[in-house]
Amino acid sequence: MPVVEHDVVIPSPPDAVFEYLADPGNPPRWDSSIVSVEQVGPGPVTVGTRWRGTSKVMGRRFEWTTEVTEAERPTRLASRSVEGALAFSVSYDLRAEAGGTHLRYRLEAESGLGGAFGRLADPVVQRAQSRAVRAGLRRLAEQLDRSTAT
């Protein structure tokens, strides 16, 4: 199972980072692989909340629905896919660090990305997604730095 895991320090408090991550309007702003996201149903993000979206990985578009499996404000947010061609889970672990938040991002995807690329392509897809995640986390930190400075 391909795994992409990266850490970033964000110059904002954990509460602010958690709320930003839990807003379905924000992922397309910082994650270049996410084309669109919408929450299915009203209300705050809690265990069981579903998001529907579209991702683009190595030029291919995938539609998916995820369900929140953990929502422990402000320390952990996790979800897993429940519909779509991709089987994956994503987690965000947050902890206070001097001047901000240490965020650990982890993406686990089914081998072969659901047959979309095939098992032999896993290392290539994993490297490409790893680069995209690193760049996205840098954008996330920059966006939150700007938003707390204003």
N, C-alpha and C. Protein backbone atom coordinates (compact mmCIF):
# COMPACT_ATOMS: atom_id res chain seq x y z
N MET A 1 0.85 -1.18 0.00
CA MET A 1 0.00 0.00 0.00
C MET A 1 0.89 1.24 0.00
N PRO A 2 0.80 2.06 -1.03
CA PRO A 2 1.59 3.30 -1.06
C PRO A 2 1.20 4.24 0.09
N VAL A 3 2.21 4.81 0.72
CA VAL A 3 2.00 5.76 1.81
C VAL A 3 2.81 7.00 1.52
N VAL A 4 2.18 8.15 1.70
CA VAL A 4 2.86 9.43 1.60
C VAL A 4 2.67 10.12 2.94
N GLU A 5 3.78 10.49 3.57
CA GLU A 5 3.72 11.12 4.88
C GLU A 5 4.71 12.28 4.92
N HIS A 6 4.22 13.44 5.33
CA HIS A 6 5.07 14.62 5.44
C HIS A 6 4.66 15.46 6.63
N ASP A 7 5.60 16.24 7.13
CA ASP A 7 5.38 17.13 8.25
C ASP A 7 5.64 18.57 7.82
N VAL A 8 4.95 19.48 8.48
CA VAL A 8 5.18 20.91 8.24
C VAL A 8 4.87 21.64 9.54
N VAL A 9 5.56 22.74 9.77
CA VAL A 9 5.25 23.61 10.92
C VAL A 9 4.53 24.82 10.36
N ILE A 10 3.38 25.09 10.94
CA ILE A 10 2.52 26.19 10.48
C ILE A 10 2.47 27.24 11.58
N PRO A 11 2.73 28.49 11.24
CA PRO A 11 2.77 29.55 12.26
C PRO A 11 1.38 30.03 12.67
N SER A 12 0.51 29.09 13.01
CA SER A 12 -0.84 29.37 13.50
C SER A 12 -1.15 28.36 14.59
N PRO A 13 -2.05 28.70 15.51
CA PRO A 13 -2.37 27.76 16.59
C PRO A 13 -3.15 26.54 16.07
N PRO A 14 -3.07 25.41 16.77
CA PRO A 14 -3.76 24.19 16.33
C PRO A 14 -5.25 24.37 16.05
N ASP A 15 -5.94 25.16 16.87
CA ASP A 15 -7.38 25.38 16.63
C ASP A 15 -7.62 25.97 15.25
N ALA A 16 -6.84 26.97 14.88
CA ALA A 16 -7.00 27.62 13.57
C ALA A 16 -6.66 26.67 12.43
N VAL A 17 -5.62 25.87 12.60
CA VAL A 17 -5.22 24.92 11.57
C VAL A 17 -6.30 23.85 11.41
N PHE A 18 -6.80 23.32 12.51
CA PHE A 18 -7.85 22.30 12.46
C PHE A 18 -9.08 22.85 11.74
N GLU A 19 -9.53 24.03 12.11
CA GLU A 19 -10.72 24.60 11.48
C GLU A 19 -10.52 24.81 9.98
N TYR A 20 -9.33 25.23 9.58
CA TYR A 20 -9.03 25.42 8.16
C TYR A 20 -9.09 24.09 7.42
N LEU A 21 -8.50 23.05 8.02
CA LEU A 21 -8.51 21.73 7.38
C LEU A 21 -9.92 21.14 7.31
N ALA A 22 -10.77 21.48 8.28
CA ALA A 22 -12.12 20.93 8.35
C ALA A 22 -13.13 21.69 7.49
N ASP A 23 -12.70 22.69 6.78
CA ASP A 23 -13.58 23.46 5.89
C ASP A 23 -13.43 22.91 4.48
N PRO A 24 -14.47 22.30 3.89
CA PRO A 24 -14.34 21.68 2.57
C PRO A 24 -14.02 22.67 1.45
N GLY A 25 -14.17 23.93 1.68
CA GLY A 25 -13.82 24.92 0.66
C GLY A 25 -12.32 25.15 0.55
N ASN A 26 -11.56 24.72 1.52
CA ASN A 26 -10.13 25.03 1.54
C ASN A 26 -9.20 24.05 0.82
N PRO A 27 -9.43 22.74 0.83
CA PRO A 27 -8.45 21.84 0.19
C PRO A 27 -8.06 22.21 -1.24
N PRO A 28 -8.99 22.61 -2.12
CA PRO A 28 -8.55 22.98 -3.47
C PRO A 28 -7.63 24.21 -3.50
N ARG A 29 -7.65 25.00 -2.44
CA ARG A 29 -6.80 26.20 -2.37
C ARG A 29 -5.35 25.86 -2.11
N TRP A 30 -5.09 24.74 -1.43
CA TRP A 30 -3.70 24.42 -1.09
C TRP A 30 -3.22 23.09 -1.65
N ASP A 31 -4.13 22.17 -1.98
CA ASP A 31 -3.74 20.84 -2.48
C ASP A 31 -4.00 20.78 -3.99
N SER A 32 -2.95 20.80 -4.78
CA SER A 32 -3.09 20.85 -6.24
C SER A 32 -3.72 19.59 -6.82
N SER A 33 -3.78 18.50 -6.07
CA SER A 33 -4.40 17.29 -6.60
C SER A 33 -5.91 17.28 -6.39
N ILE A 34 -6.43 18.21 -5.62
CA ILE A 34 -7.87 18.27 -5.38
C ILE A 34 -8.49 19.35 -6.27
N VAL A 35 -9.41 18.91 -7.11
CA VAL A 35 -10.08 19.81 -8.04
C VAL A 35 -11.28 20.47 -7.37
N SER A 36 -12.06 19.67 -6.65
CA SER A 36 -13.24 20.21 -5.99
C SER A 36 -13.62 19.34 -4.80
N VAL A 37 -14.31 19.97 -3.83
CA VAL A 37 -14.80 19.26 -2.64
C VAL A 37 -16.07 19.95 -2.18
N GLU A 38 -17.03 19.15 -1.73
CA GLU A 38 -18.22 19.70 -1.10
C GLU A 38 -18.64 18.76 0.02
N GLN A 39 -19.20 19.34 1.06
CA GLN A 39 -19.69 18.53 2.16
C GLN A 39 -21.06 18.00 1.78
N VAL A 40 -21.31 16.73 2.09
CA VAL A 40 -22.59 16.10 1.84
C VAL A 40 -23.43 16.28 3.10
N GLY A 41 -24.39 17.16 3.04
CA GLY A 41 -25.22 17.44 4.20
C GLY A 41 -24.69 18.60 5.02
N PRO A 42 -25.56 19.20 5.82
CA PRO A 42 -25.17 20.36 6.63
C PRO A 42 -24.52 19.97 7.94
N GLY A 43 -24.04 20.98 8.63
CA GLY A 43 -23.54 20.80 9.98
C GLY A 43 -22.03 20.83 10.09
N PRO A 44 -21.56 20.84 11.34
CA PRO A 44 -20.11 20.86 11.57
C PRO A 44 -19.49 19.51 11.20
N VAL A 45 -18.19 19.52 10.97
CA VAL A 45 -17.47 18.29 10.64
C VAL A 45 -17.29 17.47 11.91
N THR A 46 -17.88 16.27 11.89
CA THR A 46 -17.77 15.33 13.00
C THR A 46 -17.60 13.93 12.40
N VAL A 47 -17.39 12.95 13.26
CA VAL A 47 -17.30 11.56 12.79
C VAL A 47 -18.58 11.25 12.02
N GLY A 48 -18.41 10.72 10.82
CA GLY A 48 -19.54 10.38 9.96
C GLY A 48 -19.83 11.40 8.87
N THR A 49 -19.29 12.62 9.01
CA THR A 49 -19.48 13.64 7.96
C THR A 49 -18.86 13.11 6.67
N ARG A 50 -19.57 13.37 5.57
CA ARG A 50 -19.05 12.94 4.26
C ARG A 50 -18.73 14.14 3.38
N TRP A 51 -17.65 13.98 2.62
CA TRP A 51 -17.26 14.96 1.61
C TRP A 51 -17.21 14.25 0.27
N ARG A 52 -17.69 14.93 -0.76
CA ARG A 52 -17.62 14.42 -2.13
C ARG A 52 -16.66 15.33 -2.90
N GLY A 53 -15.80 14.72 -3.73
CA GLY A 53 -14.85 15.54 -4.45
C GLY A 53 -14.28 14.87 -5.69
N THR A 54 -13.41 15.62 -6.32
CA THR A 54 -12.70 15.16 -7.50
C THR A 54 -11.23 15.47 -7.31
N SER A 55 -10.39 14.49 -7.59
CA SER A 55 -8.94 14.67 -7.55
C SER A 55 -8.36 14.42 -8.92
N LYS A 56 -7.18 14.98 -9.14
CA LYS A 56 -6.44 14.75 -10.37
C LYS A 56 -5.04 14.29 -9.98
N VAL A 57 -4.73 13.05 -10.35
CA VAL A 57 -3.44 12.45 -10.03
C VAL A 57 -2.79 12.00 -11.33
N MET A 58 -1.62 12.54 -11.60
CA MET A 58 -0.88 12.22 -12.82
C MET A 58 -1.76 12.31 -14.06
N GLY A 59 -2.55 13.38 -14.13
CA GLY A 59 -3.36 13.66 -15.30
C GLY A 59 -4.70 12.95 -15.35
N ARG A 60 -4.98 12.07 -14.40
CA ARG A 60 -6.26 11.35 -14.39
C ARG A 60 -7.15 11.90 -13.31
N ARG A 61 -8.43 12.06 -13.65
CA ARG A 61 -9.42 12.57 -12.68
C ARG A 61 -10.13 11.40 -12.01
N PHE A 62 -10.36 11.55 -10.70
CA PHE A 62 -11.06 10.54 -9.92
C PHE A 62 -12.10 11.22 -9.05
N GLU A 63 -13.30 10.69 -9.06
CA GLU A 63 -14.34 11.17 -8.15
C GLU A 63 -14.36 10.25 -6.94
N TRP A 64 -14.66 10.82 -5.79
CA TRP A 64 -14.63 10.06 -4.55
C TRP A 64 -15.59 10.65 -3.54
N THR A 65 -15.91 9.86 -2.55
CA THR A 65 -16.62 10.31 -1.36
C THR A 65 -15.84 9.77 -0.17
N THR A 66 -15.58 10.65 0.79
CA THR A 66 -14.90 10.23 2.01
C THR A 66 -15.82 10.41 3.21
N GLU A 67 -15.48 9.71 4.27
CA GLU A 67 -16.22 9.83 5.52
C GLU A 67 -15.22 10.09 6.63
N VAL A 68 -15.52 11.07 7.46
CA VAL A 68 -14.65 11.39 8.60
C VAL A 68 -14.72 10.24 9.60
N THR A 69 -13.56 9.71 9.96
CA THR A 69 -13.47 8.61 10.92
C THR A 69 -12.99 9.07 12.29
N GLU A 70 -12.31 10.22 12.32
CA GLU A 70 -11.86 10.81 13.59
C GLU A 70 -11.91 12.33 13.46
N ALA A 71 -12.45 12.98 14.47
CA ALA A 71 -12.48 14.44 14.52
C ALA A 71 -12.27 14.86 15.96
N GLU A 72 -11.02 14.93 16.36
CA GLU A 72 -10.65 15.29 17.73
C GLU A 72 -10.05 16.68 17.72
N ARG A 73 -10.91 17.68 17.86
CA ARG A 73 -10.45 19.07 17.82
C ARG A 73 -9.52 19.34 18.99
N PRO A 74 -8.42 19.97 18.84
CA PRO A 74 -7.75 20.40 17.61
C PRO A 74 -6.55 19.51 17.26
N THR A 75 -6.61 18.20 17.59
CA THR A 75 -5.40 17.39 17.44
C THR A 75 -5.42 16.37 16.30
N ARG A 76 -6.58 15.95 15.83
CA ARG A 76 -6.60 14.91 14.80
C ARG A 76 -7.86 14.99 13.96
N LEU A 77 -7.66 14.85 12.65
CA LEU A 77 -8.75 14.76 11.69
C LEU A 77 -8.37 13.66 10.71
N ALA A 78 -9.25 12.68 10.54
CA ALA A 78 -8.95 11.56 9.64
C ALA A 78 -10.20 11.16 8.89
N SER A 79 -9.99 10.67 7.67
CA SER A 79 -11.11 10.21 6.85
C SER A 79 -10.65 9.06 5.97
N ARG A 80 -11.64 8.36 5.40
CA ARG A 80 -11.34 7.27 4.47
C ARG A 80 -12.35 7.33 3.34
N SER A 81 -11.94 6.83 2.20
CA SER A 81 -12.86 6.81 1.06
C SER A 81 -13.92 5.74 1.29
N VAL A 82 -15.14 6.06 0.86
CA VAL A 82 -16.25 5.11 0.97
C VAL A 82 -16.90 4.87 -0.39
N GLU A 83 -16.59 5.70 -1.36
CA GLU A 83 -17.09 5.54 -2.73
C GLU A 83 -16.05 6.05 -3.69
N GLY A 84 -16.00 5.45 -4.88
CA GLY A 84 -15.09 5.91 -5.91
C GLY A 84 -14.07 4.85 -6.29
N ALA A 85 -13.31 5.16 -7.33
CA ALA A 85 -12.32 4.22 -7.87
C ALA A 85 -11.09 4.10 -6.98
N LEU A 86 -10.84 5.08 -6.13
CA LEU A 86 -9.66 5.07 -5.26
C LEU A 86 -10.03 4.65 -3.85
N ALA A 87 -9.27 3.73 -3.29
CA ALA A 87 -9.41 3.38 -1.88
C ALA A 87 -8.25 4.04 -1.15
N PHE A 88 -8.56 4.98 -0.25
CA PHE A 88 -7.50 5.72 0.43
C PHE A 88 -7.98 6.22 1.78
N SER A 89 -7.03 6.60 2.60
CA SER A 89 -7.33 7.27 3.86
C SER A 89 -6.34 8.43 4.01
N VAL A 90 -6.79 9.46 4.70
CA VAL A 90 -5.98 10.65 4.93
C VAL A 90 -6.11 11.01 6.41
N SER A 91 -4.99 11.37 7.02
CA SER A 91 -5.05 11.84 8.40
C SER A 91 -4.17 13.06 8.58
N TYR A 92 -4.60 13.90 9.50
CA TYR A 92 -3.87 15.09 9.91
C TYR A 92 -3.71 15.01 11.42
N ASP A 93 -2.47 14.98 11.89
CA ASP A 93 -2.19 15.01 13.32
C ASP A 93 -1.54 16.35 13.63
N LEU A 94 -2.10 17.06 14.60
CA LEU A 94 -1.63 18.40 14.95
C LEU A 94 -1.20 18.44 16.40
N ARG A 95 -0.11 19.16 16.64
CA ARG A 95 0.30 19.41 18.02
C ARG A 95 0.91 20.81 18.11
N ALA A 96 0.67 21.43 19.23
CA ALA A 96 1.22 22.76 19.45
C ALA A 96 2.73 22.70 19.47
N GLU A 97 3.32 23.67 18.83
CA GLU A 97 4.77 23.81 18.81
C GLU A 97 5.06 25.30 18.96
N ALA A 98 6.19 25.63 19.52
CA ALA A 98 6.53 27.04 19.75
C ALA A 98 6.17 27.88 18.53
N GLY A 99 5.27 28.81 18.72
CA GLY A 99 4.91 29.73 17.66
C GLY A 99 3.94 29.17 16.63
N GLY A 100 3.38 27.97 16.86
CA GLY A 100 2.46 27.45 15.87
C GLY A 100 2.05 26.01 16.09
N THR A 101 1.94 25.30 14.96
CA THR A 101 1.44 23.94 14.96
C THR A 101 2.34 23.04 14.13
N HIS A 102 2.67 21.89 14.68
CA HIS A 102 3.37 20.86 13.91
C HIS A 102 2.26 19.97 13.33
N LEU A 103 2.21 19.85 12.01
CA LEU A 103 1.20 19.06 11.31
C LEU A 103 1.87 17.87 10.63
N ARG A 104 1.36 16.68 10.89
CA ARG A 104 1.80 15.48 10.17
C ARG A 104 0.63 15.04 9.29
N TYR A 105 0.91 14.97 7.98
CA TYR A 105 -0.07 14.55 6.98
C TYR A 105 0.29 13.14 6.56
N ARG A 106 -0.72 12.27 6.47
CA ARG A 106 -0.48 10.89 6.03
C ARG A 106 -1.59 10.47 5.08
N LEU A 107 -1.18 9.99 3.92
CA LEU A 107 -2.09 9.47 2.90
C LEU A 107 -1.71 8.01 2.66
N GLU A 108 -2.67 7.13 2.78
CA GLU A 108 -2.48 5.72 2.44
C GLU A 108 -3.44 5.40 1.31
N ALA A 109 -2.91 4.83 0.24
CA ALA A 109 -3.73 4.50 -0.92
C ALA A 109 -3.60 3.02 -1.23
N GLU A 110 -4.68 2.47 -1.73
CA GLU A 110 -4.65 1.07 -2.15
C GLU A 110 -3.62 0.90 -3.27
N SER A 111 -2.93 -0.19 -3.25
CA SER A 111 -1.93 -0.47 -4.28
C SER A 111 -2.55 -0.37 -5.67
N GLY A 112 -1.84 0.28 -6.56
CA GLY A 112 -2.32 0.43 -7.93
C GLY A 112 -3.38 1.49 -8.07
N LEU A 113 -3.64 2.21 -7.01
CA LEU A 113 -4.67 3.25 -7.01
C LEU A 113 -5.95 2.74 -7.65
N GLY A 114 -6.41 1.60 -7.15
CA GLY A 114 -7.67 1.05 -7.61
C GLY A 114 -7.60 0.55 -9.04
N GLY A 115 -6.43 0.19 -9.50
CA GLY A 115 -6.29 -0.30 -10.87
C GLY A 115 -6.12 0.81 -11.88
N ALA A 116 -6.20 2.05 -11.43
CA ALA A 116 -6.12 3.17 -12.36
C ALA A 116 -4.78 3.23 -13.07
N PHE A 117 -3.72 2.93 -12.34
CA PHE A 117 -2.38 2.96 -12.93
C PHE A 117 -1.72 1.59 -12.92
N GLY A 118 -2.17 0.72 -12.07
CA GLY A 118 -1.56 -0.60 -11.96
C GLY A 118 -0.49 -0.63 -10.89
N ARG A 119 -0.30 -1.80 -10.32
CA ARG A 119 0.64 -1.97 -9.22
C ARG A 119 2.07 -1.59 -9.59
N LEU A 120 2.48 -1.84 -10.82
CA LEU A 120 3.85 -1.51 -11.23
C LEU A 120 4.11 -0.02 -11.23
N ALA A 121 3.06 0.77 -11.35
CA ALA A 121 3.22 2.22 -11.36
C ALA A 121 3.26 2.82 -9.96
N ASP A 122 3.02 2.01 -8.92
CA ASP A 122 2.97 2.54 -7.55
C ASP A 122 4.15 3.42 -7.19
N PRO A 123 5.41 3.00 -7.42
CA PRO A 123 6.53 3.86 -7.02
C PRO A 123 6.52 5.21 -7.74
N VAL A 124 6.15 5.23 -9.00
CA VAL A 124 6.12 6.49 -9.77
C VAL A 124 5.01 7.39 -9.23
N VAL A 125 3.83 6.81 -9.03
CA VAL A 125 2.70 7.58 -8.51
C VAL A 125 3.01 8.09 -7.11
N GLN A 126 3.63 7.25 -6.29
CA GLN A 126 3.95 7.63 -4.92
C GLN A 126 4.94 8.80 -4.90
N ARG A 127 5.96 8.76 -5.75
CA ARG A 127 6.92 9.89 -5.79
C ARG A 127 6.24 11.17 -6.26
N ALA A 128 5.42 11.06 -7.29
CA ALA A 128 4.73 12.25 -7.81
C ALA A 128 3.79 12.82 -6.76
N GLN A 129 3.05 11.96 -6.09
CA GLN A 129 2.13 12.44 -5.07
C GLN A 129 2.88 13.01 -3.87
N SER A 130 4.01 12.44 -3.53
CA SER A 130 4.83 12.95 -2.43
C SER A 130 5.29 14.38 -2.72
N ARG A 131 5.74 14.61 -3.95
CA ARG A 131 6.15 15.98 -4.32
C ARG A 131 4.97 16.95 -4.24
N ALA A 132 3.81 16.50 -4.72
CA ALA A 132 2.61 17.35 -4.68
C ALA A 132 2.20 17.65 -3.25
N VAL A 133 2.30 16.66 -2.38
CA VAL A 133 1.92 16.87 -0.97
C VAL A 133 2.87 17.86 -0.30
N ARG A 134 4.18 17.69 -0.51
CA ARG A 134 5.15 18.64 0.07
C ARG A 134 4.85 20.07 -0.36
N ALA A 135 4.62 20.25 -1.65
CA ALA A 135 4.31 21.60 -2.17
C ALA A 135 3.00 22.11 -1.58
N GLY A 136 2.01 21.24 -1.48
CA GLY A 136 0.73 21.65 -0.92
C GLY A 136 0.83 22.05 0.53
N LEU A 137 1.59 21.31 1.31
CA LEU A 137 1.75 21.66 2.72
C LEU A 137 2.47 22.99 2.88
N ARG A 138 3.42 23.28 1.99
CA ARG A 138 4.06 24.61 2.02
C ARG A 138 3.03 25.70 1.74
N ARG A 139 2.16 25.47 0.73
CA ARG A 139 1.10 26.45 0.42
C ARG A 139 0.15 26.61 1.61
N LEU A 140 -0.20 25.50 2.24
CA LEU A 140 -1.08 25.55 3.40
C LEU A 140 -0.47 26.42 4.50
N ALA A 141 0.80 26.20 4.80
CA ALA A 141 1.48 26.99 5.83
C ALA A 141 1.51 28.47 5.46
N GLU A 142 1.78 28.76 4.19
CA GLU A 142 1.81 30.16 3.74
C GLU A 142 0.43 30.80 3.85
N GLN A 143 -0.61 30.09 3.46
CA GLN A 143 -1.96 30.64 3.53
C GLN A 143 -2.37 30.92 4.97
N LEU A 144 -2.08 30.00 5.86
CA LEU A 144 -2.44 30.21 7.26
C LEU A 144 -1.58 31.28 7.91
N ASP A 145 -0.33 31.41 7.49
CA ASP A 145 0.54 32.47 7.99
C ASP A 145 -0.04 33.83 7.60
N ARG A 146 -0.47 33.96 6.35
CA ARG A 146 -1.07 35.22 5.88
C ARG A 146 -2.40 35.50 6.59
N SER A 147 -3.19 34.47 6.78
CA SER A 147 -4.52 34.69 7.39
C SER A 147 -4.42 35.08 8.85
N THR A 148 -3.40 34.59 9.57
CA THR A 148 -3.27 34.98 10.98
C THR A 148 -2.55 36.31 11.13
N ALA A 149 -1.85 36.75 10.08
CA ALA A 149 -1.15 38.03 10.13
C ALA A 149 -2.09 39.20 9.91
N THR A 150 -3.26 38.92 9.31
CA THR A 150 -4.21 40.01 9.02
C THR A 150 -5.21 40.20 10.11
